[in-house]
Protein backbone atom coordinates (compact mmCIF):
# COMPACT_ATOMS: atom_id res chain seq x y z
CA MET A 1 -14.34 13.94 -13.11
CA GLU A 2 -12.75 16.67 -10.70
CA GLU A 3 -11.70 15.37 -7.44
CA GLN A 4 -10.29 17.01 -4.75
CA ASP A 5 -7.15 15.49 -3.02
CA LYS A 6 -7.72 15.73 1.14
CA ASN A 7 -4.39 16.25 1.42
CA GLN A 8 -5.04 19.30 -0.58
CA PRO A 9 -6.61 22.67 0.98
CA ALA A 10 -9.70 23.20 -0.64
CA GLY A 11 -10.10 25.08 -3.28
CA GLN A 12 -6.56 24.70 -4.13
CA GLN A 13 -6.21 23.23 -7.99
CA ILE A 14 -3.14 21.00 -8.57
CA ASN A 15 -1.49 22.35 -12.06
CA VAL A 16 -0.81 19.29 -13.55
CA GLU A 17 1.74 18.78 -16.69
CA LEU A 18 0.90 16.41 -19.53
CA THR A 19 3.72 16.07 -21.95
CA ASP A 20 2.93 15.60 -25.68
CA GLU A 21 4.68 11.81 -25.57
CA ILE A 22 2.00 10.88 -22.21
CA ALA A 23 -0.42 12.79 -24.02
CA GLU A 24 -0.31 10.01 -27.37
CA GLY A 25 -1.63 7.36 -24.77
CA VAL A 26 -1.12 3.34 -24.99
CA TYR A 27 -3.39 1.02 -26.18
CA SER A 28 -4.67 -1.69 -23.89
CA ASN A 29 -7.31 -4.32 -24.43
CA LEU A 30 -6.71 -6.50 -21.05
CA ALA A 31 -5.87 -5.42 -17.64
CA MET A 32 -4.48 -7.50 -14.63
CA ILE A 33 -4.99 -6.86 -11.21
CA ALA A 34 -3.46 -7.70 -8.06
CA HIS A 35 -2.92 -5.96 -4.51
CA SER A 36 -1.87 -6.77 -1.25
CA GLN A 37 -2.67 -5.23 1.86
CA SER A 38 -1.06 -1.70 1.00
CA GLU A 39 -1.53 -1.18 -2.70
CA PHE A 40 -2.98 -2.41 -5.76
CA VAL A 41 -0.97 -2.74 -9.03
CA ILE A 42 -2.77 -2.41 -12.42
CA ASP A 43 -1.27 -3.69 -15.51
CA PHE A 44 -2.44 -2.85 -18.81
CA ILE A 45 -1.61 -5.26 -21.61
CA ARG A 46 -1.84 -5.97 -25.50
CA LEU A 47 -3.34 -8.72 -25.96
CA MET A 48 -2.54 -9.30 -29.68
CA PRO A 49 -5.04 -12.02 -31.93
CA GLY A 50 -2.53 -14.92 -32.83
CA VAL A 51 0.59 -13.85 -30.68
CA PRO A 52 1.25 -15.98 -28.33
CA LYS A 53 2.98 -13.32 -25.76
CA ALA A 54 1.03 -10.33 -24.30
CA LYS A 55 3.25 -7.28 -23.26
CA VAL A 56 2.38 -5.28 -20.33
CA LYS A 57 2.45 -1.54 -21.29
CA SER A 58 1.96 0.00 -18.33
CA ARG A 59 2.54 -0.23 -14.59
CA ILE A 60 -0.02 1.50 -12.44
CA ILE A 61 0.17 1.24 -8.77
CA ILE A 62 -1.97 2.72 -6.53
CA THR A 63 -3.25 2.65 -2.03
CA PRO A 64 -6.63 1.25 -1.78
CA ASP A 65 -7.89 4.34 -1.03
CA HIS A 66 -7.25 5.54 -4.72
CA ALA A 67 -8.20 2.20 -6.30
CA LYS A 68 -11.73 2.56 -4.45
CA ARG A 69 -11.94 6.36 -5.53
CA LEU A 70 -10.60 5.33 -9.31
CA LEU A 71 -13.86 2.66 -9.54
CA ALA A 72 -16.08 5.30 -8.18
CA ALA A 73 -15.07 7.74 -11.21
CA LEU A 74 -15.07 4.73 -13.58
CA LYS A 75 -18.56 3.96 -12.81
CA ASP A 76 -19.67 7.29 -12.69
CA ASN A 77 -17.83 7.57 -16.29
CA ILE A 78 -19.41 4.89 -17.92
CA ASP A 79 -23.34 5.61 -16.92
CA ARG A 80 -22.29 8.88 -18.35
CA TYR A 81 -20.97 7.33 -21.39
CA GLU A 82 -24.20 4.76 -21.74
CA MET A 83 -26.83 7.31 -21.41
CA SER A 84 -25.07 9.07 -24.18
CA PHE A 85 -24.37 7.00 -26.31
CA GLY A 86 -26.10 3.15 -25.40
CA LYS A 87 -25.15 0.03 -23.15
CA ILE A 88 -21.76 -1.25 -23.73
CA LYS A 89 -22.06 -4.67 -24.52
CA SER A 90 -20.06 -6.92 -22.11
CA GLY A 91 -17.72 -10.07 -22.67
CA ALA A 92 -17.25 -8.95 -26.59
CA GLY A 93 -13.33 -10.46 -27.28
CA ALA A 94 -12.42 -11.35 -24.05
CA PRO A 95 -9.82 -13.87 -23.29
CA GLU A 96 -11.54 -17.57 -23.21
CA PHE A 97 -8.35 -18.66 -21.26
CA PRO A 98 -7.07 -17.75 -17.40
CA LEU A 99 -4.45 -15.91 -17.10
CA ASN A 100 -2.30 -15.85 -13.75
CA PHE A 101 1.05 -14.16 -13.25
CA GLY A 102 0.93 -15.40 -9.18
CA GLY A 103 -0.39 -13.73 -6.02
CA ALA A 104 -3.86 -12.14 -5.40
CA LEU A 105 -5.67 -11.58 -8.87
CA GLY A 106 -8.49 -9.76 -10.47
CA GLU A 107 -9.09 -9.39 -13.98
CA ALA A 108 -10.71 -6.44 -16.12
């Protein structure tokens, strides 16, 4: 989904650079979300079976406005994915214990 930044003049494109290293991506099977009045912090974590210590593989910090736009973009992409490939089964492989890093917390 292409989105126009309200700080950019209409019709102006942003030139985005994607390095080879970043293009490889990072696998994550758990996300922890915390927030304050001014930002959302999303930690992408790799939780491996039988390993008691999970590692944060990436941390993304965004504004509340951007978090809301990200939510809408994810919903749009999930809807299109499910139209093409069928419903995503929820809950498969979810951890069965509470995870808490302190502070306001959400789980995805």
